Amino acid sequence: MNLKKTIAGGTLAAALLLGGAGTAFAAEPPPGRPPASAECKAAARTLHELRVLDARLRAEYGRVVRLRSAAAKAGKTEAVKKLDAQLAKMRAAHAKVVAKVKVAAAKAREECAAAPTAA
């Protein structure tokens, strides 16, 4: 029984050691590749945040569409009108976010491509 515990403990220790080393190596840029500039990191973060916002808007839009369909089936015309107005606002907001995503993607490509290369 002690041999099994020793082997299990050694295996666990090795796994934790390798996992920690992998994390440490992942934190550093690969050899031959320069670290990203602050502008590149900021542009990439902005792009990520806008993509998350886009996904949230899409999910919320789908939820409101389902509510509108249920209200239409139930014959609630006032609720349908309100939901139609909300959907129109959401489409306009989504169009603005999509435009911002395109601009942010172009900026991220520009900033990250302009990073100095290793000599």
N, C-alpha and C. Protein backbone atom coordinates (compact mmCIF):
# COMPACT_ATOMS: atom_id res chain seq x y z
N MET A 1 0.82 -1.19 0.00
CA MET A 1 0.00 0.00 0.00
C MET A 1 0.86 1.25 0.00
N ASN A 2 1.97 1.24 0.74
CA ASN A 2 2.86 2.39 0.79
C ASN A 2 3.52 2.64 -0.55
N LEU A 3 3.82 1.59 -1.30
CA LEU A 3 4.43 1.74 -2.61
C LEU A 3 3.47 2.46 -3.56
N LYS A 4 2.20 2.12 -3.49
CA LYS A 4 1.19 2.78 -4.35
C LYS A 4 1.09 4.26 -4.01
N LYS A 5 1.11 4.58 -2.72
CA LYS A 5 1.03 5.97 -2.30
C LYS A 5 2.27 6.75 -2.73
N THR A 6 3.42 6.11 -2.65
CA THR A 6 4.66 6.75 -3.05
C THR A 6 4.66 7.03 -4.55
N ILE A 7 4.23 6.06 -5.33
CA ILE A 7 4.18 6.24 -6.79
C ILE A 7 3.16 7.32 -7.14
N ALA A 8 2.00 7.30 -6.50
CA ALA A 8 0.98 8.31 -6.77
C ALA A 8 1.48 9.70 -6.38
N GLY A 9 2.16 9.80 -5.24
CA GLY A 9 2.70 11.09 -4.80
C GLY A 9 3.78 11.59 -5.74
N GLY A 10 4.65 10.69 -6.19
CA GLY A 10 5.70 11.08 -7.14
C GLY A 10 5.13 11.52 -8.46
N THR A 11 4.10 10.82 -8.93
CA THR A 11 3.45 11.18 -10.19
C THR A 11 2.78 12.54 -10.06
N LEU A 12 2.11 12.77 -8.96
CA LEU A 12 1.46 14.06 -8.73
C LEU A 12 2.47 15.19 -8.67
N ALA A 13 3.57 14.97 -7.97
CA ALA A 13 4.61 15.99 -7.86
C ALA A 13 5.20 16.30 -9.24
N ALA A 14 5.45 15.26 -10.02
CA ALA A 14 6.00 15.47 -11.37
C ALA A 14 5.02 16.23 -12.25
N ALA A 15 3.75 15.89 -12.15
CA ALA A 15 2.73 16.58 -12.96
C ALA A 15 2.64 18.04 -12.58
N LEU A 16 2.68 18.34 -11.29
CA LEU A 16 2.64 19.73 -10.84
C LEU A 16 3.89 20.49 -11.26
N LEU A 17 5.03 19.83 -11.19
CA LEU A 17 6.28 20.46 -11.60
C LEU A 17 6.26 20.77 -13.09
N LEU A 18 5.84 19.82 -13.89
CA LEU A 18 5.77 20.04 -15.34
C LEU A 18 4.72 21.08 -15.70
N GLY A 19 3.61 21.06 -15.00
CA GLY A 19 2.57 22.06 -15.25
C GLY A 19 3.05 23.45 -14.91
N GLY A 20 3.75 23.59 -13.80
CA GLY A 20 4.30 24.89 -13.41
C GLY A 20 5.36 25.37 -14.38
N ALA A 21 6.19 24.46 -14.85
CA ALA A 21 7.24 24.84 -15.81
C ALA A 21 6.60 25.24 -17.14
N GLY A 22 5.56 24.55 -17.53
CA GLY A 22 4.88 24.91 -18.78
C GLY A 22 4.27 26.30 -18.70
N THR A 23 3.72 26.62 -17.55
CA THR A 23 3.15 27.95 -17.36
C THR A 23 4.24 29.01 -17.38
N ALA A 24 5.37 28.73 -16.78
CA ALA A 24 6.47 29.69 -16.75
C ALA A 24 7.00 29.93 -18.16
N PHE A 25 7.12 28.86 -18.93
CA PHE A 25 7.60 29.02 -20.30
C PHE A 25 6.58 29.72 -21.18
N ALA A 26 5.31 29.49 -20.91
CA ALA A 26 4.26 30.12 -21.72
C ALA A 26 4.20 31.61 -21.46
N ALA A 27 4.63 32.06 -20.30
CA ALA A 27 4.58 33.49 -19.97
C ALA A 27 5.63 34.28 -20.74
N GLU A 28 6.69 33.63 -21.17
CA GLU A 28 7.74 34.31 -21.91
C GLU A 28 7.48 34.17 -23.41
N PRO A 29 7.85 35.17 -24.19
CA PRO A 29 7.67 35.03 -25.63
C PRO A 29 8.58 33.94 -26.18
N PRO A 30 8.20 33.29 -27.26
CA PRO A 30 9.04 32.26 -27.83
C PRO A 30 10.40 32.83 -28.25
N PRO A 31 11.44 32.03 -28.24
CA PRO A 31 12.75 32.53 -28.64
C PRO A 31 12.71 33.04 -30.08
N GLY A 32 13.37 34.14 -30.30
CA GLY A 32 13.41 34.71 -31.65
C GLY A 32 12.23 35.62 -31.95
N ARG A 33 11.30 35.70 -31.03
CA ARG A 33 10.13 36.55 -31.24
C ARG A 33 10.15 37.66 -30.19
N PRO A 34 10.12 38.90 -30.59
CA PRO A 34 10.19 39.98 -29.61
C PRO A 34 8.91 40.08 -28.80
N PRO A 35 9.00 40.61 -27.60
CA PRO A 35 7.79 40.78 -26.80
C PRO A 35 6.88 41.82 -27.46
N ALA A 36 5.61 41.66 -27.25
CA ALA A 36 4.64 42.59 -27.84
C ALA A 36 4.77 43.96 -27.19
N SER A 37 4.58 44.98 -27.99
CA SER A 37 4.65 46.34 -27.46
C SER A 37 3.39 46.63 -26.65
N ALA A 38 3.44 47.69 -25.88
CA ALA A 38 2.28 48.08 -25.07
C ALA A 38 1.11 48.46 -25.97
N GLU A 39 1.42 49.11 -27.10
CA GLU A 39 0.35 49.49 -28.03
C GLU A 39 -0.31 48.26 -28.64
N CYS A 40 0.50 47.25 -28.94
CA CYS A 40 -0.03 46.01 -29.51
C CYS A 40 -0.94 45.32 -28.49
N LYS A 41 -0.48 45.24 -27.24
CA LYS A 41 -1.29 44.60 -26.20
C LYS A 41 -2.60 45.35 -25.98
N ALA A 42 -2.53 46.68 -25.98
CA ALA A 42 -3.74 47.48 -25.78
C ALA A 42 -4.72 47.28 -26.93
N ALA A 43 -4.20 47.25 -28.15
CA ALA A 43 -5.07 47.07 -29.32
C ALA A 43 -5.70 45.68 -29.30
N ALA A 44 -4.93 44.67 -28.93
CA ALA A 44 -5.46 43.31 -28.86
C ALA A 44 -6.52 43.20 -27.77
N ARG A 45 -6.30 43.85 -26.64
CA ARG A 45 -7.28 43.81 -25.56
C ARG A 45 -8.57 44.51 -25.96
N THR A 46 -8.45 45.65 -26.61
CA THR A 46 -9.63 46.37 -27.07
C THR A 46 -10.42 45.52 -28.06
N LEU A 47 -9.71 44.87 -28.97
CA LEU A 47 -10.37 44.01 -29.95
C LEU A 47 -11.09 42.87 -29.23
N HIS A 48 -10.45 42.26 -28.26
CA HIS A 48 -11.07 41.16 -27.52
C HIS A 48 -12.34 41.63 -26.81
N GLU A 49 -12.25 42.78 -26.15
CA GLU A 49 -13.41 43.30 -25.42
C GLU A 49 -14.57 43.60 -26.37
N LEU A 50 -14.27 44.13 -27.54
CA LEU A 50 -15.33 44.42 -28.51
C LEU A 50 -15.94 43.13 -29.04
N ARG A 51 -15.14 42.11 -29.23
CA ARG A 51 -15.68 40.82 -29.70
C ARG A 51 -16.57 40.19 -28.63
N VAL A 52 -16.19 40.33 -27.37
CA VAL A 52 -17.03 39.82 -26.28
C VAL A 52 -18.35 40.58 -26.24
N LEU A 53 -18.28 41.90 -26.39
CA LEU A 53 -19.50 42.71 -26.43
C LEU A 53 -20.38 42.30 -27.60
N ASP A 54 -19.78 42.04 -28.74
CA ASP A 54 -20.53 41.60 -29.92
C ASP A 54 -21.25 40.28 -29.63
N ALA A 55 -20.57 39.35 -29.01
CA ALA A 55 -21.19 38.06 -28.68
C ALA A 55 -22.34 38.24 -27.69
N ARG A 56 -22.16 39.12 -26.71
CA ARG A 56 -23.23 39.38 -25.75
C ARG A 56 -24.44 40.01 -26.43
N LEU A 57 -24.19 40.95 -27.34
CA LEU A 57 -25.29 41.59 -28.07
C LEU A 57 -26.05 40.58 -28.92
N ARG A 58 -25.32 39.68 -29.57
CA ARG A 58 -25.98 38.66 -30.38
C ARG A 58 -26.86 37.75 -29.53
N ALA A 59 -26.35 37.36 -28.37
CA ALA A 59 -27.13 36.50 -27.48
C ALA A 59 -28.38 37.22 -26.99
N GLU A 60 -28.23 38.47 -26.59
CA GLU A 60 -29.37 39.25 -26.11
C GLU A 60 -30.39 39.47 -27.23
N TYR A 61 -29.90 39.71 -28.44
CA TYR A 61 -30.79 39.90 -29.58
C TYR A 61 -31.62 38.64 -29.81
N GLY A 62 -30.97 37.49 -29.74
CA GLY A 62 -31.70 36.22 -29.91
C GLY A 62 -32.76 36.03 -28.84
N ARG A 63 -32.45 36.43 -27.61
CA ARG A 63 -33.42 36.31 -26.52
C ARG A 63 -34.62 37.21 -26.77
N VAL A 64 -34.40 38.43 -27.23
CA VAL A 64 -35.50 39.36 -27.48
C VAL A 64 -36.33 38.87 -28.67
N VAL A 65 -35.69 38.28 -29.66
CA VAL A 65 -36.44 37.73 -30.81
C VAL A 65 -37.36 36.61 -30.34
N ARG A 66 -36.84 35.76 -29.45
CA ARG A 66 -37.70 34.68 -28.92
C ARG A 66 -38.88 35.25 -28.13
N LEU A 67 -38.62 36.29 -27.33
CA LEU A 67 -39.71 36.94 -26.58
C LEU A 67 -40.74 37.53 -27.53
N ARG A 68 -40.26 38.17 -28.60
CA ARG A 68 -41.17 38.79 -29.56
C ARG A 68 -42.02 37.72 -30.24
N SER A 69 -41.41 36.60 -30.60
CA SER A 69 -42.16 35.52 -31.25
C SER A 69 -43.24 34.97 -30.32
N ALA A 70 -42.88 34.80 -29.05
CA ALA A 70 -43.86 34.31 -28.08
C ALA A 70 -44.99 35.31 -27.88
N ALA A 71 -44.66 36.60 -27.85
CA ALA A 71 -45.69 37.63 -27.69
C ALA A 71 -46.59 37.68 -28.91
N ALA A 72 -46.01 37.50 -30.09
CA ALA A 72 -46.81 37.52 -31.32
C ALA A 72 -47.77 36.33 -31.35
N LYS A 73 -47.29 35.17 -30.92
CA LYS A 73 -48.15 33.98 -30.89
C LYS A 73 -49.29 34.15 -29.89
N ALA A 74 -49.00 34.85 -28.80
CA ALA A 74 -50.01 35.07 -27.76
C ALA A 74 -50.95 36.21 -28.12
N GLY A 75 -50.66 36.95 -29.20
CA GLY A 75 -51.52 38.03 -29.64
C GLY A 75 -51.35 39.31 -28.85
N LYS A 76 -50.22 39.51 -28.23
CA LYS A 76 -49.96 40.72 -27.44
C LYS A 76 -49.32 41.77 -28.34
N THR A 77 -50.16 42.55 -29.00
CA THR A 77 -49.65 43.50 -30.00
C THR A 77 -48.84 44.63 -29.38
N GLU A 78 -49.22 45.10 -28.21
CA GLU A 78 -48.46 46.18 -27.56
C GLU A 78 -47.04 45.71 -27.22
N ALA A 79 -46.95 44.51 -26.70
CA ALA A 79 -45.63 43.97 -26.36
C ALA A 79 -44.79 43.76 -27.62
N VAL A 80 -45.43 43.34 -28.70
CA VAL A 80 -44.72 43.14 -29.97
C VAL A 80 -44.16 44.47 -30.47
N LYS A 81 -44.96 45.54 -30.36
CA LYS A 81 -44.49 46.86 -30.80
C LYS A 81 -43.29 47.31 -29.99
N LYS A 82 -43.36 47.13 -28.68
CA LYS A 82 -42.24 47.53 -27.82
C LYS A 82 -40.99 46.70 -28.13
N LEU A 83 -41.18 45.41 -28.33
CA LEU A 83 -40.04 44.55 -28.64
C LEU A 83 -39.46 44.86 -30.02
N ASP A 84 -40.32 45.23 -30.97
CA ASP A 84 -39.83 45.64 -32.29
C ASP A 84 -38.96 46.90 -32.18
N ALA A 85 -39.39 47.84 -31.36
CA ALA A 85 -38.60 49.06 -31.15
C ALA A 85 -37.27 48.72 -30.49
N GLN A 86 -37.29 47.82 -29.51
CA GLN A 86 -36.06 47.41 -28.85
C GLN A 86 -35.13 46.70 -29.83
N LEU A 87 -35.69 45.86 -30.69
CA LEU A 87 -34.87 45.16 -31.69
C LEU A 87 -34.23 46.14 -32.67
N ALA A 88 -34.95 47.18 -33.04
CA ALA A 88 -34.39 48.19 -33.95
C ALA A 88 -33.20 48.90 -33.29
N LYS A 89 -33.34 49.24 -32.00
CA LYS A 89 -32.24 49.87 -31.27
C LYS A 89 -31.05 48.93 -31.17
N MET A 90 -31.34 47.66 -30.92
CA MET A 90 -30.27 46.68 -30.80
C MET A 90 -29.54 46.48 -32.12
N ARG A 91 -30.27 46.49 -33.24
CA ARG A 91 -29.62 46.37 -34.56
C ARG A 91 -28.70 47.55 -34.81
N ALA A 92 -29.14 48.76 -34.44
CA ALA A 92 -28.31 49.95 -34.62
C ALA A 92 -27.06 49.88 -33.74
N ALA A 93 -27.23 49.45 -32.50
CA ALA A 93 -26.09 49.32 -31.59
C ALA A 93 -25.11 48.26 -32.09
N HIS A 94 -25.65 47.17 -32.61
CA HIS A 94 -24.80 46.10 -33.12
C HIS A 94 -24.02 46.56 -34.35
N ALA A 95 -24.65 47.35 -35.19
CA ALA A 95 -23.95 47.87 -36.37
C ALA A 95 -22.77 48.74 -35.94
N LYS A 96 -22.96 49.54 -34.89
CA LYS A 96 -21.86 50.38 -34.39
C LYS A 96 -20.73 49.51 -33.83
N VAL A 97 -21.09 48.46 -33.11
CA VAL A 97 -20.07 47.58 -32.54
C VAL A 97 -19.30 46.86 -33.65
N VAL A 98 -19.99 46.42 -34.68
CA VAL A 98 -19.33 45.74 -35.79
C VAL A 98 -18.34 46.70 -36.47
N ALA A 99 -18.73 47.94 -36.63
CA ALA A 99 -17.82 48.93 -37.23
C ALA A 99 -16.60 49.13 -36.34
N LYS A 100 -16.81 49.19 -35.03
CA LYS A 100 -15.70 49.36 -34.10
C LYS A 100 -14.78 48.14 -34.10
N VAL A 101 -15.36 46.94 -34.26
CA VAL A 101 -14.56 45.71 -34.31
C VAL A 101 -13.64 45.76 -35.53
N LYS A 102 -14.19 46.20 -36.66
CA LYS A 102 -13.37 46.28 -37.88
C LYS A 102 -12.21 47.26 -37.69
N VAL A 103 -12.49 48.41 -37.10
CA VAL A 103 -11.44 49.41 -36.85
C VAL A 103 -10.41 48.86 -35.87
N ALA A 104 -10.88 48.22 -34.80
CA ALA A 104 -9.97 47.68 -33.79
C ALA A 104 -9.12 46.55 -34.36
N ALA A 105 -9.70 45.73 -35.23
CA ALA A 105 -8.93 44.64 -35.85
C ALA A 105 -7.84 45.21 -36.74
N ALA A 106 -8.16 46.24 -37.50
CA ALA A 106 -7.16 46.87 -38.36
C ALA A 106 -6.05 47.50 -37.51
N LYS A 107 -6.43 48.14 -36.41
CA LYS A 107 -5.44 48.78 -35.54
C LYS A 107 -4.56 47.72 -34.89
N ALA A 108 -5.15 46.61 -34.46
CA ALA A 108 -4.37 45.55 -33.83
C ALA A 108 -3.37 44.96 -34.82
N ARG A 109 -3.81 44.74 -36.06
CA ARG A 109 -2.89 44.23 -37.09
C ARG A 109 -1.75 45.22 -37.32
N GLU A 110 -2.10 46.49 -37.38
CA GLU A 110 -1.10 47.54 -37.63
C GLU A 110 -0.10 47.64 -36.48
N GLU A 111 -0.60 47.69 -35.26
CA GLU A 111 0.26 47.84 -34.09
C GLU A 111 1.15 46.62 -33.87
N CYS A 112 0.58 45.44 -34.07
CA CYS A 112 1.34 44.22 -33.80
C CYS A 112 2.30 43.91 -34.95
N ALA A 113 1.99 44.33 -36.14
CA ALA A 113 2.91 44.14 -37.27
C ALA A 113 4.06 45.12 -37.19
N ALA A 114 3.83 46.26 -36.55
CA ALA A 114 4.86 47.29 -36.45
C ALA A 114 5.83 47.02 -35.31
N ALA A 115 5.62 45.91 -34.58
CA ALA A 115 6.52 45.59 -33.47
C ALA A 115 7.91 45.33 -34.01
N PRO A 116 8.94 45.76 -33.30
CA PRO A 116 10.31 45.57 -33.79
C PRO A 116 10.66 44.08 -33.87
N THR A 117 11.40 43.72 -34.89
CA THR A 117 11.79 42.33 -35.07
C THR A 117 13.11 42.07 -34.38
N ALA A 118 13.31 40.84 -33.97
CA ALA A 118 14.56 40.49 -33.29
C ALA A 118 15.68 40.42 -34.30
N ALA A 119 16.82 40.95 -33.95
CA ALA A 119 17.95 40.96 -34.88
C ALA A 119 18.91 39.84 -34.58
